Amino acid sequence: MFEELFALIQDRKANPQPGSYTNQLFSQGEDKILKKVGEEAMEVILAGKGQGKQRLVEEISDLFYHSFVLLANYDLTLEDIDAELRKRHGVRREPS
């Protein structure tokens, strides 16, 4: 699902759709996107402090989405994140 969601976000950036929340974020710019990531991070913390597992899943999902928008805003990809995590953990990507 991560790849599909990120592909949708990239598509919205390349092909804006009227009424799209994702496009609203892109049009409002970096500061708005960063603000949303910060808000969602705080909501993850609050959910983790006793709002229950389902609420935590919901808030982490929101944080992932907004983080993906931030990546796309900077023309970064999930592969960039994958490469960084592999580098940190000494794991090489297997050739396809």
PDB file of N, CA and C in Angstrom:
ATOM      1  N   MET A   1       0.807  -1.193   0.000  1.00  0.00           N
ATOM      2  CA  MET A   1       0.000   0.000   0.000  1.00  0.00           C
ATOM      3  C   MET A   1       0.855   1.265   0.000  1.00  0.00           C
ATOM      4  N   PHE A   2       2.040   1.211   0.628  1.00  0.00           N
ATOM      5  CA  PHE A   2       2.897   2.397   0.654  1.00  0.00           C
ATOM      6  C   PHE A   2       3.233   2.869  -0.756  1.00  0.00           C
ATOM      7  N   GLU A   3       3.601   1.918  -1.612  1.00  0.00           N
ATOM      8  CA  GLU A   3       3.973   2.283  -2.978  1.00  0.00           C
ATOM      9  C   GLU A   3       2.796   2.892  -3.736  1.00  0.00           C
ATOM     10  N   GLU A   4       1.619   2.307  -3.556  1.00  0.00           N
ATOM     11  CA  GLU A   4       0.432   2.816  -4.242  1.00  0.00           C
ATOM     12  C   GLU A   4       0.082   4.232  -3.763  1.00  0.00           C
ATOM     13  N   LEU A   5       0.143   4.441  -2.455  1.00  0.00           N
ATOM     14  CA  LEU A   5      -0.159   5.759  -1.912  1.00  0.00           C
ATOM     15  C   LEU A   5       0.850   6.793  -2.405  1.00  0.00           C
ATOM     16  N   PHE A   6       2.132   6.424  -2.374  1.00  0.00           N
ATOM     17  CA  PHE A   6       3.145   7.361  -2.819  1.00  0.00           C
ATOM     18  C   PHE A   6       2.994   7.669  -4.308  1.00  0.00           C
ATOM     19  N   ALA A   7       2.661   6.660  -5.105  1.00  0.00           N
ATOM     20  CA  ALA A   7       2.436   6.880  -6.537  1.00  0.00           C
ATOM     21  C   ALA A   7       1.266   7.835  -6.763  1.00  0.00           C
ATOM     22  N   LEU A   8       0.208   7.697  -5.968  1.00  0.00           N
ATOM     23  CA  LEU A   8      -0.934   8.595  -6.074  1.00  0.00           C
ATOM     24  C   LEU A   8      -0.533  10.033  -5.731  1.00  0.00           C
ATOM     25  N   ILE A   9       0.255  10.195  -4.686  1.00  0.00           N
ATOM     26  CA  ILE A   9       0.720  11.524  -4.290  1.00  0.00           C
ATOM     27  C   ILE A   9       1.580  12.132  -5.395  1.00  0.00           C
ATOM     28  N   GLN A  10       2.485  11.346  -5.957  1.00  0.00           N
ATOM     29  CA  GLN A  10       3.319  11.841  -7.059  1.00  0.00           C
ATOM     30  C   GLN A  10       2.454  12.227  -8.264  1.00  0.00           C
ATOM     31  N   ASP A  11       1.434  11.431  -8.534  1.00  0.00           N
ATOM     32  CA  ASP A  11       0.544  11.735  -9.651  1.00  0.00           C
ATOM     33  C   ASP A  11      -0.222  13.038  -9.407  1.00  0.00           C
ATOM     34  N   ARG A  12      -0.668  13.251  -8.179  1.00  0.00           N
ATOM     35  CA  ARG A  12      -1.372  14.503  -7.859  1.00  0.00           C
ATOM     36  C   ARG A  12      -0.442  15.703  -8.039  1.00  0.00           C
ATOM     37  N   LYS A  13       0.834  15.522  -7.713  1.00  0.00           N
ATOM     38  CA  LYS A  13       1.786  16.618  -7.896  1.00  0.00           C
ATOM     39  C   LYS A  13       1.952  16.928  -9.385  1.00  0.00           C
ATOM     40  N   ALA A  14       2.067  15.889 -10.187  1.00  0.00           N
ATOM     41  CA  ALA A  14       2.280  16.061 -11.626  1.00  0.00           C
ATOM     42  C   ALA A  14       0.995  16.450 -12.362  1.00  0.00           C
ATOM     43  N   ASN A  15      -0.144  15.968 -11.879  1.00  0.00           N
ATOM     44  CA  ASN A  15      -1.435  16.181 -12.541  1.00  0.00           C
ATOM     45  C   ASN A  15      -2.470  16.635 -11.516  1.00  0.00           C
ATOM     46  N   PRO A  16      -2.419  17.892 -11.120  1.00  0.00           N
ATOM     47  CA  PRO A  16      -3.336  18.380 -10.079  1.00  0.00           C
ATOM     48  C   PRO A  16      -4.804  18.093 -10.405  1.00  0.00           C
ATOM     49  N   GLN A  17      -5.528  17.743  -9.352  1.00  0.00           N
ATOM     50  CA  GLN A  17      -6.959  17.454  -9.470  1.00  0.00           C
ATOM     51  C   GLN A  17      -7.731  18.462  -8.626  1.00  0.00           C
ATOM     52  N   PRO A  18      -8.751  19.097  -9.201  1.00  0.00           N
ATOM     53  CA  PRO A  18      -9.558  20.042  -8.416  1.00  0.00           C
ATOM     54  C   PRO A  18     -10.133  19.374  -7.174  1.00  0.00           C
ATOM     55  N   GLY A  19     -10.042  20.059  -6.046  1.00  0.00           N
ATOM     56  CA  GLY A  19     -10.612  19.543  -4.806  1.00  0.00           C
ATOM     57  C   GLY A  19      -9.749  18.537  -4.074  1.00  0.00           C
ATOM     58  N   SER A  20      -8.596  18.207  -4.598  1.00  0.00           N
ATOM     59  CA  SER A  20      -7.720  17.224  -3.971  1.00  0.00           C
ATOM     60  C   SER A  20      -7.021  17.828  -2.761  1.00  0.00           C
ATOM     61  N   TYR A  21      -7.126  17.162  -1.618  1.00  0.00           N
ATOM     62  CA  TYR A  21      -6.432  17.611  -0.408  1.00  0.00           C
ATOM     63  C   TYR A  21      -4.926  17.612  -0.630  1.00  0.00           C
ATOM     64  N   THR A  22      -4.430  16.611  -1.317  1.00  0.00           N
ATOM     65  CA  THR A  22      -3.001  16.538  -1.614  1.00  0.00           C
ATOM     66  C   THR A  22      -2.572  17.762  -2.412  1.00  0.00           C
ATOM     67  N   ASN A  23      -3.348  18.131  -3.406  1.00  0.00           N
ATOM     68  CA  ASN A  23      -3.010  19.321  -4.197  1.00  0.00           C
ATOM     69  C   ASN A  23      -3.115  20.597  -3.378  1.00  0.00           C
ATOM     70  N   GLN A  24      -4.038  20.642  -2.431  1.00  0.00           N
ATOM     71  CA  GLN A  24      -4.105  21.803  -1.550  1.00  0.00           C
ATOM     72  C   GLN A  24      -2.805  21.946  -0.770  1.00  0.00           C
ATOM     73  N   LEU A  25      -2.294  20.835  -0.268  1.00  0.00           N
ATOM     74  CA  LEU A  25      -1.031  20.888   0.464  1.00  0.00           C
ATOM     75  C   LEU A  25       0.100  21.378  -0.430  1.00  0.00           C
ATOM     76  N   PHE A  26       0.209  20.809  -1.632  1.00  0.00           N
ATOM     77  CA  PHE A  26       1.271  21.244  -2.542  1.00  0.00           C
ATOM     78  C   PHE A  26       1.142  22.730  -2.874  1.00  0.00           C
ATOM     79  N   SER A  27      -0.083  23.191  -3.099  1.00  0.00           N
ATOM     80  CA  SER A  27      -0.258  24.593  -3.488  1.00  0.00           C
ATOM     81  C   SER A  27       0.011  25.539  -2.322  1.00  0.00           C
ATOM     82  N   GLN A  28      -0.199  25.079  -1.101  1.00  0.00           N
ATOM     83  CA  GLN A  28       0.062  25.928   0.064  1.00  0.00           C
ATOM     84  C   GLN A  28       1.549  25.958   0.424  1.00  0.00           C
ATOM     85  N   GLY A  29       2.296  25.013  -0.127  1.00  0.00           N
ATOM     86  CA  GLY A  29       3.745  25.075  -0.021  1.00  0.00           C
ATOM     87  C   GLY A  29       4.378  24.352   1.149  1.00  0.00           C
ATOM     88  N   GLU A  30       5.689  24.483   1.167  1.00  0.00           N
ATOM     89  CA  GLU A  30       6.548  23.776   2.124  1.00  0.00           C
ATOM     90  C   GLU A  30       6.141  24.020   3.577  1.00  0.00           C
ATOM     91  N   ASP A  31       5.902  25.272   3.949  1.00  0.00           N
ATOM     92  CA  ASP A  31       5.578  25.562   5.345  1.00  0.00           C
ATOM     93  C   ASP A  31       4.319  24.835   5.802  1.00  0.00           C
ATOM     94  N   LYS A  32       3.292  24.793   4.960  1.00  0.00           N
ATOM     95  CA  LYS A  32       2.053  24.095   5.311  1.00  0.00           C
ATOM     96  C   LYS A  32       2.299  22.596   5.445  1.00  0.00           C
ATOM     97  N   ILE A  33       3.061  22.036   4.514  1.00  0.00           N
ATOM     98  CA  ILE A  33       3.346  20.596   4.571  1.00  0.00           C
ATOM     99  C   ILE A  33       4.133  20.269   5.835  1.00  0.00           C
ATOM    100  N   LEU A  34       5.146  21.060   6.136  1.00  0.00           N
ATOM    101  CA  LEU A  34       5.943  20.835   7.345  1.00  0.00           C
ATOM    102  C   LEU A  34       5.091  20.975   8.601  1.00  0.00           C
ATOM    103  N   LYS A  35       4.189  21.938   8.613  1.00  0.00           N
ATOM    104  CA  LYS A  35       3.294  22.131   9.753  1.00  0.00           C
ATOM    105  C   LYS A  35       2.428  20.892   9.960  1.00  0.00           C
ATOM    106  N   LYS A  36       1.896  20.345   8.863  1.00  0.00           N
ATOM    107  CA  LYS A  36       1.056  19.144   8.967  1.00  0.00           C
ATOM    108  C   LYS A  36       1.860  17.956   9.473  1.00  0.00           C
ATOM    109  N   VAL A  37       3.099  17.796   9.014  1.00  0.00           N
ATOM    110  CA  VAL A  37       3.933  16.697   9.512  1.00  0.00           C
ATOM    111  C   VAL A  37       4.135  16.855  11.021  1.00  0.00           C
ATOM    112  N   GLY A  38       4.422  18.072  11.457  1.00  0.00           N
ATOM    113  CA  GLY A  38       4.598  18.320  12.886  1.00  0.00           C
ATOM    114  C   GLY A  38       3.347  18.033  13.693  1.00  0.00           C
ATOM    115  N   GLU A  39       2.207  18.477  13.189  1.00  0.00           N
ATOM    116  CA  GLU A  39       0.937  18.223  13.873  1.00  0.00           C
ATOM    117  C   GLU A  39       0.667  16.726  13.987  1.00  0.00           C
ATOM    118  N   GLU A  40       0.894  16.024  12.899  1.00  0.00           N
ATOM    119  CA  GLU A  40       0.639  14.577  12.920  1.00  0.00           C
ATOM    120  C   GLU A  40       1.606  13.853  13.849  1.00  0.00           C
ATOM    121  N   ALA A  41       2.852  14.297  13.897  1.00  0.00           N
ATOM    122  CA  ALA A  41       3.823  13.688  14.814  1.00  0.00           C
ATOM    123  C   ALA A  41       3.353  13.859  16.258  1.00  0.00           C
ATOM    124  N   MET A  42       2.866  15.036  16.596  1.00  0.00           N
ATOM    125  CA  MET A  42       2.350  15.271  17.950  1.00  0.00           C
ATOM    126  C   MET A  42       1.134  14.397  18.229  1.00  0.00           C
ATOM    127  N   GLU A  43       0.273  14.225  17.236  1.00  0.00           N
ATOM    128  CA  GLU A  43      -0.896  13.377  17.428  1.00  0.00           C
ATOM    129  C   GLU A  43      -0.502  11.913  17.616  1.00  0.00           C
ATOM    130  N   VAL A  44       0.578  11.481  16.985  1.00  0.00           N
ATOM    131  CA  VAL A  44       1.090  10.122  17.205  1.00  0.00           C
ATOM    132  C   VAL A  44       1.526   9.978  18.665  1.00  0.00           C
ATOM    133  N   ILE A  45       2.227  10.970  19.165  1.00  0.00           N
ATOM    134  CA  ILE A  45       2.683  10.927  20.557  1.00  0.00           C
ATOM    135  C   ILE A  45       1.489  10.846  21.507  1.00  0.00           C
ATOM    136  N   LEU A  46       0.497  11.682  21.288  1.00  0.00           N
ATOM    137  CA  LEU A  46      -0.681  11.674  22.161  1.00  0.00           C
ATOM    138  C   LEU A  46      -1.419  10.342  22.085  1.00  0.00           C
ATOM    139  N   ALA A  47      -1.553   9.815  20.873  1.00  0.00           N
ATOM    140  CA  ALA A  47      -2.231   8.523  20.719  1.00  0.00           C
ATOM    141  C   ALA A  47      -1.456   7.417  21.428  1.00  0.00           C
ATOM    142  N   GLY A  48      -0.139   7.499  21.367  1.00  0.00           N
ATOM    143  CA  GLY A  48       0.689   6.488  22.033  1.00  0.00           C
ATOM    144  C   GLY A  48       0.638   6.566  23.547  1.00  0.00           C
ATOM    145  N   LYS A  49       0.158   7.677  24.061  1.00  0.00           N
ATOM    146  CA  LYS A  49       0.064   7.862  25.508  1.00  0.00           C
ATOM    147  C   LYS A  49      -1.334   7.554  26.034  1.00  0.00           C
ATOM    148  N   GLY A  50      -1.979   6.579  25.442  1.00  0.00           N
ATOM    149  CA  GLY A  50      -3.195   6.102  26.073  1.00  0.00           C
ATOM    150  C   GLY A  50      -4.485   6.256  25.295  1.00  0.00           C
ATOM    151  N   GLN A  51      -4.421   6.548  24.003  1.00  0.00           N
ATOM    152  CA  GLN A  51      -5.660   6.665  23.235  1.00  0.00           C
ATOM    153  C   GLN A  51      -6.041   5.352  22.555  1.00  0.00           C
ATOM    154  N   GLY A  52      -5.273   4.330  22.785  1.00  0.00           N
ATOM    155  CA  GLY A  52      -5.603   3.016  22.253  1.00  0.00           C
ATOM    156  C   GLY A  52      -4.886   2.700  20.951  1.00  0.00           C
ATOM    157  N   LYS A  53      -4.810   1.412  20.691  1.00  0.00           N
ATOM    158  CA  LYS A  53      -4.071   0.928  19.521  1.00  0.00           C
ATOM    159  C   LYS A  53      -4.663   1.415  18.208  1.00  0.00           C
ATOM    160  N   GLN A  54      -5.976   1.396  18.081  1.00  0.00           N
ATOM    161  CA  GLN A  54      -6.599   1.822  16.823  1.00  0.00           C
ATOM    162  C   GLN A  54      -6.298   3.282  16.536  1.00  0.00           C
ATOM    163  N   ARG A  55      -6.388   4.129  17.554  1.00  0.00           N
ATOM    164  CA  ARG A  55      -6.090   5.554  17.365  1.00  0.00           C
ATOM    165  C   ARG A  55      -4.631   5.741  16.972  1.00  0.00           C
ATOM    166  N   LEU A  56      -3.743   4.950  17.554  1.00  0.00           N
ATOM    167  CA  LEU A  56      -2.326   5.023  17.201  1.00  0.00           C
ATOM    168  C   LEU A  56      -2.112   4.642  15.739  1.00  0.00           C
ATOM    169  N   VAL A  57      -2.767   3.600  15.285  1.00  0.00           N
ATOM    170  CA  VAL A  57      -2.681   3.191  13.876  1.00  0.00           C
ATOM    171  C   VAL A  57      -3.186   4.314  12.973  1.00  0.00           C
ATOM    172  N   GLU A  58      -4.289   4.928  13.337  1.00  0.00           N
ATOM    173  CA  GLU A  58      -4.850   6.015  12.529  1.00  0.00           C
ATOM    174  C   GLU A  58      -3.884   7.195  12.438  1.00  0.00           C
ATOM    175  N   GLU A  59      -3.304   7.575  13.559  1.00  0.00           N
ATOM    176  CA  GLU A  59      -2.412   8.729  13.563  1.00  0.00           C
ATOM    177  C   GLU A  59      -1.084   8.444  12.858  1.00  0.00           C
ATOM    178  N   ILE A  60      -0.568   7.228  12.994  1.00  0.00           N
ATOM    179  CA  ILE A  60       0.647   6.875  12.260  1.00  0.00           C
ATOM    180  C   ILE A  60       0.362   6.861  10.761  1.00  0.00           C
ATOM    181  N   SER A  61      -0.823   6.414  10.373  1.00  0.00           N
ATOM    182  CA  SER A  61      -1.209   6.452   8.960  1.00  0.00           C
ATOM    183  C   SER A  61      -1.222   7.887   8.451  1.00  0.00           C
ATOM    184  N   ASP A  62      -1.774   8.806   9.237  1.00  0.00           N
ATOM    185  CA  ASP A  62      -1.767  10.220   8.856  1.00  0.00           C
ATOM    186  C   ASP A  62      -0.343  10.762   8.750  1.00  0.00           C
ATOM    187  N   LEU A  63       0.513  10.373   9.686  1.00  0.00           N
ATOM    188  CA  LEU A  63       1.905  10.830   9.653  1.00  0.00           C
ATOM    189  C   LEU A  63       2.626  10.295   8.423  1.00  0.00           C
ATOM    190  N   PHE A  64       2.409   9.035   8.087  1.00  0.00           N
ATOM    191  CA  PHE A  64       3.022   8.474   6.875  1.00  0.00           C
ATOM    192  C   PHE A  64       2.566   9.256   5.643  1.00  0.00           C
ATOM    193  N   TYR A  65       1.257   9.482   5.534  1.00  0.00           N
ATOM    194  CA  TYR A  65       0.728  10.206   4.375  1.00  0.00           C
ATOM    195  C   TYR A  65       1.386  11.582   4.245  1.00  0.00           C
ATOM    196  N   HIS A  66       1.382  12.340   5.312  1.00  0.00           N
ATOM    197  CA  HIS A  66       1.945  13.692   5.249  1.00  0.00           C
ATOM    198  C   HIS A  66       3.455  13.660   5.029  1.00  0.00           C
ATOM    199  N   SER A  67       4.125  12.653   5.555  1.00  0.00           N
ATOM    200  CA  SER A  67       5.562  12.492   5.294  1.00  0.00           C
ATOM    201  C   SER A  67       5.811  12.168   3.819  1.00  0.00           C
ATOM    202  N   PHE A  68       4.925  11.375   3.233  1.00  0.00           N
ATOM    203  CA  PHE A  68       5.039  11.064   1.807  1.00  0.00           C
ATOM    204  C   PHE A  68       4.837  12.327   0.961  1.00  0.00           C
ATOM    205  N   VAL A  69       3.895  13.171   1.353  1.00  0.00           N
ATOM    206  CA  VAL A  69       3.692  14.441   0.644  1.00  0.00           C
ATOM    207  C   VAL A  69       4.973  15.280   0.740  1.00  0.00           C
ATOM    208  N   LEU A  70       5.583  15.312   1.915  1.00  0.00           N
ATOM    209  CA  LEU A  70       6.821  16.059   2.093  1.00  0.00           C
ATOM    210  C   LEU A  70       7.930  15.510   1.200  1.00  0.00           C
ATOM    211  N   LEU A  71       8.068  14.193   1.145  1.00  0.00           N
ATOM    212  CA  LEU A  71       9.064  13.583   0.251  1.00  0.00           C
ATOM    213  C   LEU A  71       8.820  14.003  -1.196  1.00  0.00           C
ATOM    214  N   ALA A  72       7.582  13.882  -1.636  1.00  0.00           N
ATOM    215  CA  ALA A  72       7.245  14.231  -3.022  1.00  0.00           C
ATOM    216  C   ALA A  72       7.489  15.714  -3.284  1.00  0.00           C
ATOM    217  N   ASN A  73       7.238  16.543  -2.305  1.00  0.00           N
ATOM    218  CA  ASN A  73       7.472  17.979  -2.462  1.00  0.00           C
ATOM    219  C   ASN A  73       8.933  18.270  -2.786  1.00  0.00           C
ATOM    220  N   TYR A  74       9.824  17.481  -2.213  1.00  0.00           N
ATOM    221  CA  TYR A  74      11.259  17.641  -2.443  1.00  0.00           C
ATOM    222  C   TYR A  74      11.789  16.738  -3.565  1.00  0.00           C
ATOM    223  N   ASP A  75      10.881  16.117  -4.309  1.00  0.00           N
ATOM    224  CA  ASP A  75      11.255  15.189  -5.390  1.00  0.00           C
ATOM    225  C   ASP A  75      12.108  14.030  -4.890  1.00  0.00           C
ATOM    226  N   LEU A  76      11.828  13.585  -3.671  1.00  0.00           N
ATOM    227  CA  LEU A  76      12.446  12.389  -3.128  1.00  0.00           C
ATOM    228  C   LEU A  76      11.478  11.232  -3.300  1.00  0.00           C
ATOM    229  N   THR A  77      11.975  10.015  -3.122  1.00  0.00           N
ATOM    230  CA  THR A  77      11.137   8.836  -3.323  1.00  0.00           C
ATOM    231  C   THR A  77      11.255   7.876  -2.150  1.00  0.00           C
ATOM    232  N   LEU A  78      10.392   6.882  -2.159  1.00  0.00           N
ATOM    233  CA  LEU A  78      10.494   5.823  -1.155  1.00  0.00           C
ATOM    234  C   LEU A  78      11.800   5.058  -1.313  1.00  0.00           C
ATOM    235  N   GLU A  79      12.310   4.998  -2.530  1.00  0.00           N
ATOM    236  CA  GLU A  79      13.588   4.331  -2.763  1.00  0.00           C
ATOM    237  C   GLU A  79      14.726   5.067  -2.050  1.00  0.00           C
ATOM    238  N   ASP A  80      14.629   6.389  -1.953  1.00  0.00           N
ATOM    239  CA  ASP A  80      15.628   7.156  -1.210  1.00  0.00           C
ATOM    240  C   ASP A  80      15.630   6.753   0.262  1.00  0.00           C
ATOM    241  N   ILE A  81      14.445   6.569   0.823  1.00  0.00           N
ATOM    242  CA  ILE A  81      14.329   6.148   2.220  1.00  0.00           C
ATOM    243  C   ILE A  81      14.826   4.722   2.378  1.00  0.00           C
ATOM    244  N   ASP A  82      14.437   3.861   1.452  1.00  0.00           N
ATOM    245  CA  ASP A  82      14.894   2.471   1.477  1.00  0.00           C
ATOM    246  C   ASP A  82      16.415   2.399   1.450  1.00  0.00           C
ATOM    247  N   ALA A  83      17.036   3.170   0.568  1.00  0.00           N
ATOM    248  CA  ALA A  83      18.498   3.166   0.455  1.00  0.00           C
ATOM    249  C   ALA A  83      19.157   3.633   1.749  1.00  0.00           C
ATOM    250  N   GLU A  84      18.602   4.661   2.365  1.00  0.00           N
ATOM    251  CA  GLU A  84      19.169   5.162   3.621  1.00  0.00           C
ATOM    252  C   GLU A  84      19.056   4.133   4.738  1.00  0.00           C
ATOM    253  N   LEU A  85      17.906   3.483   4.832  1.00  0.00           N
ATOM    254  CA  LEU A  85      17.735   2.465   5.862  1.00  0.00           C
ATOM    255  C   LEU A  85      18.658   1.270   5.630  1.00  0.00           C
ATOM    256  N   ARG A  86      18.804   0.869   4.375  1.00  0.00           N
ATOM    257  CA  ARG A  86      19.717  -0.228   4.061  1.00  0.00           C
ATOM    258  C   ARG A  86      21.148   0.149   4.411  1.00  0.00           C
ATOM    259  N   LYS A  87      21.544   1.379   4.118  1.00  0.00           N
ATOM    260  CA  LYS A  87      22.889   1.848   4.442  1.00  0.00           C
ATOM    261  C   LYS A  87      23.112   1.810   5.957  1.00  0.00           C
ATOM    262  N   ARG A  88      22.148   2.271   6.703  1.00  0.00           N
ATOM    263  CA  ARG A  88      22.265   2.299   8.163  1.00  0.00           C
ATOM    264  C   ARG A  88      22.372   0.916   8.774  1.00  0.00           C
ATOM    265  N   HIS A  89      21.735  -0.055   8.137  1.00  0.00           N
ATOM    266  CA  HIS A  89      21.674  -1.394   8.699  1.00  0.00           C
ATOM    267  C   HIS A  89      22.578  -2.378   7.948  1.00  0.00           C
ATOM    268  N   GLY A  90      23.402  -1.862   7.049  1.00  0.00           N
ATOM    269  CA  GLY A  90      24.353  -2.714   6.343  1.00  0.00           C
ATOM    270  C   GLY A  90      23.715  -3.770   5.472  1.00  0.00           C
ATOM    271  N   VAL A  91      22.578  -3.455   4.885  1.00  0.00           N
ATOM    272  CA  VAL A  91      21.859  -4.406   4.043  1.00  0.00           C
ATOM    273  C   VAL A  91      21.951  -3.925   2.602  1.00  0.00           C
ATOM    274  N   ARG A  92      22.424  -4.810   1.742  1.00  0.00           N
ATOM    275  CA  ARG A  92      22.495  -4.470   0.321  1.00  0.00           C
ATOM    276  C   ARG A  92      21.216  -4.906  -0.364  1.00  0.00           C
ATOM    277  N   ARG A  93      20.846  -4.129  -1.352  1.00  0.00           N
ATOM    278  CA  ARG A  93      19.669  -4.469  -2.149  1.00  0.00           C
ATOM    279  C   ARG A  93      20.055  -5.568  -3.139  1.00  0.00           C
ATOM    280  N   GLU A  94      19.235  -6.588  -3.207  1.00  0.00           N
ATOM    281  CA  GLU A  94      19.467  -7.684  -4.152  1.00  0.00           C
ATOM    282  C   GLU A  94      19.116  -7.214  -5.564  1.00  0.00           C
ATOM    283  N   PRO A  95      19.955  -7.549  -6.545  1.00  0.00           N
ATOM    284  CA  PRO A  95      19.619  -7.178  -7.918  1.00  0.00           C
ATOM    285  C   PRO A  95      18.332  -7.854  -8.381  1.00  0.00           C
ATOM    286  N   SER A  96      17.556  -7.143  -9.197  1.00  0.00           N
ATOM    287  CA  SER A  96      16.275  -7.698  -9.688  1.00  0.00           C
ATOM    288  C   SER A  96      16.501  -8.664 -10.814  1.00  0.00           C
TER     289      SER A  96
END
